[in-house]
Amino acid sequence: MSNSFAKDIDGKAIAACVLEEVAADVRELALHGVTPALAVVLVGSDEASQVYVRNKILRAEQAGIRSLEYRLPNTTGQAELLEVIAELNADPLVNGILVQLPLPASINEGVVIHAIDPIKDVDGFHRHNVGGLVQGQEVLTPCTPSGCMRLLEETCGDISGKHAVVIGRSNIVGKPMATLLLQAHCSVSIVHSRSVDAAALCRLADIVVAAVGRPGLIDASWLKPGAVVIDVGINRIDTPEGSRLVGDVDYASARAVASAITPVPGGVGPMTIAYLLKNTVIATRLQRKSALMEKI
């Protein structure tokens, strides 16, 4: 298939539509005297994390969501961080809590994630939300997989019956992505570092979701002609022209075979932030519903 048949999936444009939906939801909640609030906790001075946090807060404010920023020094201990989370859990005016990862090596990320109230866990990483997702319950779902599903919905329409291959089995992307694809009635395979002939498995796929963290691993030889490719990878590489961001997919090669593909940057990345804010609205509604049930 020639390049002329490949379509770039415009994550920026689709994310903008999601943010418009979020803003409309925020206006609807305002009619009931509710303004969603998102608390973002950043420990340390990691440069990339600071950029991510700045973008999240900016997008939140643009959508009408109140943002609360907690910047803690590198010297912050686990007990001190857990105290901050406990205070945010107890504050009824805080609807979403995001602890920016990675954390300093001295802090156990798992302990911190599971200390967040599941109904305020807008990352969707708490074991309650992970288990609820597998069981098809109404819970907060990880942002990146949710954003990928929206990209597929906008690009493909109904994906029921399609064969999807997820490359990578992380708790953040790979596993929840496979679960969401199953819920959309796809046949799903997960390819990982122990898979035998991973490329051959991928060549069977109508949909390929790459989330392995290895720049340019997947090229045209991994793809069935006409496959839809969602590239979750964000890798910074050095070139003679300077450093640049690339995905897990060799874009130039893959777009000659794929029917549609996400570029890096500008594909999945904007969707992650958009769905973080969507989760903040969902969390707000779940909390209101829970409060109403307690009064009955």
Protein backbone atom coordinates (compact mmCIF):
# COMPACT_ATOMS: atom_id res chain seq x y z
CA MET A 1 0.00 0.00 0.00
CA SER A 2 1.45 3.39 -0.94
CA ASN A 3 1.95 6.34 1.38
CA SER A 4 -0.98 8.13 -0.26
CA PHE A 5 -3.32 5.67 1.44
CA ALA A 6 -1.91 6.24 4.91
CA LYS A 7 -3.78 8.66 7.14
CA ASP A 8 -2.30 10.56 10.05
CA ILE A 9 -4.53 10.29 13.11
CA ASP A 10 -4.61 13.85 14.44
CA GLY A 11 -4.47 13.48 18.22
CA LYS A 12 -4.35 17.25 18.73
CA ALA A 13 -7.64 17.81 16.89
CA ILE A 14 -9.43 14.89 18.59
CA ALA A 15 -8.09 15.95 22.00
CA ALA A 16 -9.46 19.45 21.35
CA CYS A 17 -12.91 17.90 20.82
CA VAL A 18 -12.58 15.98 24.09
CA LEU A 19 -11.60 19.16 25.92
CA GLU A 20 -14.67 20.91 24.48
CA GLU A 21 -16.79 18.06 25.87
CA VAL A 22 -15.09 18.46 29.24
CA ALA A 23 -15.71 22.21 29.25
CA ALA A 24 -19.40 21.60 28.46
CA ASP A 25 -19.60 19.07 31.33
CA VAL A 26 -17.96 21.59 33.67
CA ARG A 27 -20.54 24.22 32.69
CA GLU A 28 -23.34 21.74 33.34
CA LEU A 29 -21.93 20.94 36.80
CA ALA A 30 -21.68 24.67 37.51
CA LEU A 31 -25.47 24.86 37.19
CA HIS A 32 -25.58 22.65 40.28
CA GLY A 33 -23.06 24.78 42.15
CA VAL A 34 -20.16 22.37 41.56
CA THR A 35 -16.72 23.23 40.17
CA PRO A 36 -14.49 20.18 39.62
CA ALA A 37 -11.09 20.50 41.29
CA LEU A 38 -7.91 18.63 40.39
CA ALA A 39 -4.98 18.45 42.81
CA VAL A 40 -1.59 17.81 41.18
CA VAL A 41 1.29 16.73 43.42
CA LEU A 42 4.85 17.01 42.12
CA VAL A 43 7.80 15.75 44.17
CA GLY A 44 11.24 16.97 43.14
CA SER A 45 12.53 18.96 40.20
CA ASP A 46 12.47 16.52 37.26
CA GLU A 47 12.37 18.76 34.19
CA ALA A 48 10.06 16.56 32.09
CA SER A 49 7.64 16.17 35.01
CA GLN A 50 7.51 19.93 35.49
CA VAL A 51 6.59 20.38 31.81
CA TYR A 52 3.86 17.71 32.06
CA VAL A 53 2.42 19.29 35.20
CA ARG A 54 2.45 22.75 33.65
CA ASN A 55 0.55 21.47 30.59
CA LYS A 56 -2.00 19.61 32.71
CA ILE A 57 -2.72 22.66 34.85
CA LEU A 58 -3.01 24.91 31.81
CA ARG A 59 -5.48 22.57 30.08
CA ALA A 60 -7.46 22.16 33.31
CA GLU A 61 -7.88 25.90 33.72
CA GLN A 62 -8.86 26.29 30.06
CA ALA A 63 -11.63 23.73 30.60
CA GLY A 64 -12.89 25.50 33.73
CA ILE A 65 -11.48 22.94 36.19
CA ARG A 66 -9.99 24.40 39.35
CA SER A 67 -6.37 23.28 39.71
CA LEU A 68 -4.46 22.92 42.97
CA GLU A 69 -0.69 22.55 42.76
CA TYR A 70 1.47 20.94 45.43
CA ARG A 71 5.20 21.18 44.70
CA LEU A 72 7.28 19.24 47.22
CA PRO A 73 11.11 19.22 47.42
CA ASN A 74 13.34 16.28 46.50
CA THR A 75 13.91 15.70 50.20
CA THR A 76 10.23 14.87 50.79
CA GLY A 77 9.85 11.50 52.51
CA GLN A 78 7.17 8.89 51.88
CA ALA A 79 5.39 9.60 55.16
CA GLU A 80 5.18 13.31 54.37
CA LEU A 81 3.78 12.62 50.90
CA LEU A 82 1.21 10.20 52.33
CA GLU A 83 0.10 12.94 54.75
CA VAL A 84 -0.54 15.30 51.82
CA ILE A 85 -2.56 12.60 50.03
CA ALA A 86 -4.59 11.88 53.19
CA GLU A 87 -5.49 15.57 53.46
CA LEU A 88 -6.58 15.68 49.82
CA ASN A 89 -8.59 12.46 50.24
CA ALA A 90 -10.47 14.05 53.15
CA ASP A 91 -11.15 17.37 51.39
CA PRO A 92 -14.65 17.24 49.84
CA LEU A 93 -13.76 20.12 47.51
CA VAL A 94 -10.98 18.09 45.84
CA ASN A 95 -12.38 15.77 43.19
CA GLY A 96 -9.26 14.41 41.52
CA ILE A 97 -5.76 13.63 42.81
CA LEU A 98 -2.79 13.15 40.52
CA VAL A 99 0.67 12.33 41.85
CA GLN A 100 3.12 12.94 39.01
CA LEU A 101 5.38 9.99 38.31
CA PRO A 102 8.21 9.09 38.54
CA LEU A 103 8.78 9.67 42.25
CA PRO A 104 12.20 9.82 43.94
CA ALA A 105 13.74 6.37 44.43
CA SER A 106 13.24 6.58 48.20
CA ILE A 107 9.43 6.59 47.79
CA ASN A 108 7.46 3.43 46.96
CA GLU A 109 5.22 4.34 44.01
CA GLY A 110 2.84 1.44 44.68
CA VAL A 111 2.21 2.53 48.26
CA VAL A 112 1.53 6.09 47.12
CA ILE A 113 -0.82 5.09 44.28
CA HIS A 114 -2.89 2.84 46.56
CA ALA A 115 -3.10 5.58 49.23
CA ILE A 116 -5.21 7.74 46.88
CA ASP A 117 -8.96 7.38 47.35
CA PRO A 118 -10.06 5.26 44.35
CA ILE A 119 -12.92 7.64 43.61
CA LYS A 120 -10.37 10.48 43.27
CA ASP A 121 -7.75 8.42 41.41
CA VAL A 122 -7.90 10.22 38.05
CA ASP A 123 -4.91 8.24 36.74
CA GLY A 124 -6.95 5.04 37.18
CA PHE A 125 -4.00 3.16 38.69
CA HIS A 126 -5.50 2.12 42.06
CA ARG A 127 -6.10 -1.63 42.43
CA HIS A 128 -9.83 -0.95 42.99
CA ASN A 129 -10.09 0.79 39.63
CA VAL A 130 -7.92 -1.78 37.86
CA GLY A 131 -10.09 -4.63 39.16
CA GLY A 132 -13.28 -2.74 38.39
CA LEU A 133 -12.12 -2.14 34.82
CA VAL A 134 -11.57 -5.87 34.28
CA GLN A 135 -15.05 -6.58 35.65
CA GLY A 136 -16.67 -3.91 33.47
CA GLN A 137 -17.69 -1.68 36.38
CA GLU A 138 -18.08 2.11 36.33
CA VAL A 139 -14.61 3.15 37.50
CA LEU A 140 -11.87 5.61 36.60
CA THR A 141 -9.88 4.18 33.70
CA PRO A 142 -6.20 4.89 32.86
CA CYS A 143 -5.99 8.00 30.69
CA THR A 144 -3.68 6.86 27.88
CA PRO A 145 -5.61 3.66 27.01
CA SER A 146 -8.89 5.61 27.18
CA GLY A 147 -7.45 8.18 24.81
CA CYS A 148 -6.26 5.45 22.45
CA MET A 149 -9.77 3.98 22.36
CA ARG A 150 -11.17 7.38 21.40
CA LEU A 151 -8.62 7.64 18.57
CA LEU A 152 -9.72 4.23 17.31
CA GLU A 153 -13.39 5.17 17.61
CA GLU A 154 -12.85 8.36 15.60
CA THR A 155 -10.70 6.58 13.00
CA CYS A 156 -12.39 3.20 12.59
CA GLY A 157 -15.90 3.50 13.97
CA ASP A 158 -17.06 0.08 15.15
CA ILE A 159 -14.07 -2.16 15.89
CA SER A 160 -16.12 -5.14 17.02
CA GLY A 161 -14.62 -8.37 15.71
CA LYS A 162 -11.28 -6.80 14.74
CA HIS A 163 -8.04 -8.51 15.76
CA ALA A 164 -5.98 -6.18 17.94
CA VAL A 165 -2.39 -6.73 19.04
CA VAL A 166 -1.03 -4.77 22.01
CA ILE A 167 2.77 -4.63 22.14
CA GLY A 168 3.76 -4.27 25.79
CA ARG A 169 2.18 -5.48 29.04
CA SER A 170 2.67 -2.60 31.46
CA ASN A 171 0.09 -1.86 34.14
CA ILE A 172 -0.19 1.72 32.87
CA VAL A 173 -0.90 1.05 29.18
CA GLY A 174 -0.60 -2.53 27.92
CA LYS A 175 -2.88 -4.43 30.27
CA PRO A 176 -5.70 -1.84 30.54
CA MET A 177 -5.51 -1.26 26.78
CA ALA A 178 -6.08 -4.96 26.16
CA THR A 179 -9.03 -4.92 28.56
CA LEU A 180 -10.67 -1.95 26.83
CA LEU A 181 -10.22 -3.60 23.44
CA LEU A 182 -11.86 -6.76 24.79
CA GLN A 183 -14.78 -4.66 26.04
CA ALA A 184 -15.08 -3.28 22.49
CA HIS A 185 -15.46 -6.91 21.33
CA CYS A 186 -12.06 -7.20 19.65
CA SER A 187 -10.03 -10.39 19.59
CA VAL A 188 -6.93 -9.37 21.53
CA SER A 189 -3.33 -10.61 21.68
CA ILE A 190 -0.60 -9.17 23.90
CA VAL A 191 2.94 -9.32 22.55
CA HIS A 192 5.87 -8.84 24.93
CA SER A 193 9.59 -9.53 25.38
CA ARG A 194 9.06 -13.28 25.83
CA SER A 195 6.77 -13.69 22.82
CA VAL A 196 8.04 -16.05 20.11
CA ASP A 197 8.16 -14.29 16.71
CA ALA A 198 6.39 -11.12 17.84
CA ALA A 199 6.48 -9.67 14.33
CA ALA A 200 4.54 -12.64 12.92
CA LEU A 201 1.85 -12.19 15.58
CA CYS A 202 1.59 -8.48 14.75
CA ARG A 203 1.17 -9.19 11.05
CA LEU A 204 -2.17 -10.82 11.91
CA ALA A 205 -3.54 -7.63 13.46
CA ASP A 206 -6.11 -5.18 12.12
CA ILE A 207 -5.15 -2.85 14.99
CA VAL A 208 -1.66 -2.51 16.49
CA VAL A 209 -1.07 -0.58 19.72
CA ALA A 210 2.65 -0.12 20.43
CA ALA A 211 3.58 0.65 24.04
CA VAL A 212 6.97 -0.88 24.68
CA GLY A 213 9.37 2.07 25.05
CA ARG A 214 11.85 1.06 22.32
CA PRO A 215 12.31 3.66 19.57
CA GLY A 216 11.50 2.46 16.07
CA LEU A 217 11.06 -1.20 17.07
CA ILE A 218 8.00 -1.78 14.85
CA ASP A 219 8.53 -1.25 11.13
CA ALA A 220 6.59 -2.14 8.00
CA SER A 221 7.61 -5.80 8.23
CA TRP A 222 5.53 -6.11 11.43
CA LEU A 223 2.31 -4.85 9.83
CA LYS A 224 -0.51 -6.30 7.79
CA PRO A 225 -1.41 -4.02 4.85
CA GLY A 226 -4.19 -1.68 5.96
CA ALA A 227 -3.58 -2.05 9.70
CA VAL A 228 -4.40 0.87 12.02
CA VAL A 229 -1.39 1.75 14.18
CA ILE A 230 -1.57 3.54 17.54
CA ASP A 231 1.94 4.49 18.70
CA VAL A 232 2.02 5.19 22.43
CA GLY A 233 5.81 5.39 22.63
CA ILE A 234 7.54 8.69 23.36
CA ASN A 235 11.32 8.32 23.11
CA ARG A 236 13.91 11.06 22.85
CA ILE A 237 16.79 10.20 20.53
CA ASP A 238 19.90 12.06 19.42
CA THR A 239 20.42 12.71 15.71
CA PRO A 240 23.02 14.75 13.78
CA GLU A 241 20.39 17.51 13.62
CA GLY A 242 19.80 17.38 17.40
CA SER A 243 17.52 15.46 19.74
CA ARG A 244 13.94 14.69 18.74
CA LEU A 245 10.94 12.68 19.88
CA VAL A 246 10.07 9.42 18.14
CA GLY A 247 7.64 6.61 18.83
CA ASP A 248 7.99 2.86 19.17
CA VAL A 249 7.00 2.62 15.49
CA ASP A 250 9.28 3.48 12.57
CA TYR A 251 6.84 6.05 11.24
CA ALA A 252 8.30 6.48 7.74
CA SER A 253 8.32 2.74 7.11
CA ALA A 254 4.99 1.91 8.77
CA ARG A 255 2.94 4.61 7.08
CA ALA A 256 3.65 2.98 3.71
CA VAL A 257 1.72 -0.10 4.89
CA ALA A 258 -0.76 1.14 7.50
CA SER A 259 -4.12 2.63 6.58
CA ALA A 260 -3.89 5.05 9.53
CA ILE A 261 -1.17 5.86 12.07
CA THR A 262 -0.59 8.24 14.97
CA PRO A 263 2.43 10.54 14.59
CA VAL A 264 4.84 11.22 17.46
CA PRO A 265 4.47 13.83 18.76
CA GLY A 266 0.88 14.93 18.12
CA GLY A 267 -0.86 11.57 18.32
CA VAL A 268 -1.52 9.86 21.64
CA GLY A 269 0.15 12.48 23.88
CA PRO A 270 -2.57 15.16 23.72
CA MET A 271 -5.23 12.50 24.38
CA THR A 272 -3.66 11.53 27.69
CA ILE A 273 -4.09 15.01 29.14
CA ALA A 274 -7.59 15.34 27.67
CA TYR A 275 -8.69 12.12 29.34
CA LEU A 276 -7.10 13.13 32.64
CA LEU A 277 -9.52 16.06 32.66
CA LYS A 278 -12.39 13.86 31.47
CA ASN A 279 -11.62 11.56 34.41
CA THR A 280 -11.75 14.57 36.75
CA VAL A 281 -15.31 15.27 35.59
CA ILE A 282 -16.24 11.58 35.88
CA ALA A 283 -14.77 11.50 39.40
CA THR A 284 -16.79 14.58 40.35
CA ARG A 285 -20.01 12.95 39.15
CA LEU A 286 -19.22 9.67 40.91
CA GLN A 287 -18.60 11.56 44.15
CA ARG A 288 -21.88 13.47 43.83
CA LYS A 289 -23.70 10.21 43.14
CA SER A 290 -22.06 8.59 46.17
CA ALA A 291 -22.97 11.56 48.40
CA LEU A 292 -26.61 11.40 47.26
CA MET A 293 -26.74 7.66 47.97
CA GLU A 294 -25.41 8.24 51.50
CA LYS A 295 -28.34 10.61 52.20
CA ILE A 296 -30.96 8.01 51.21
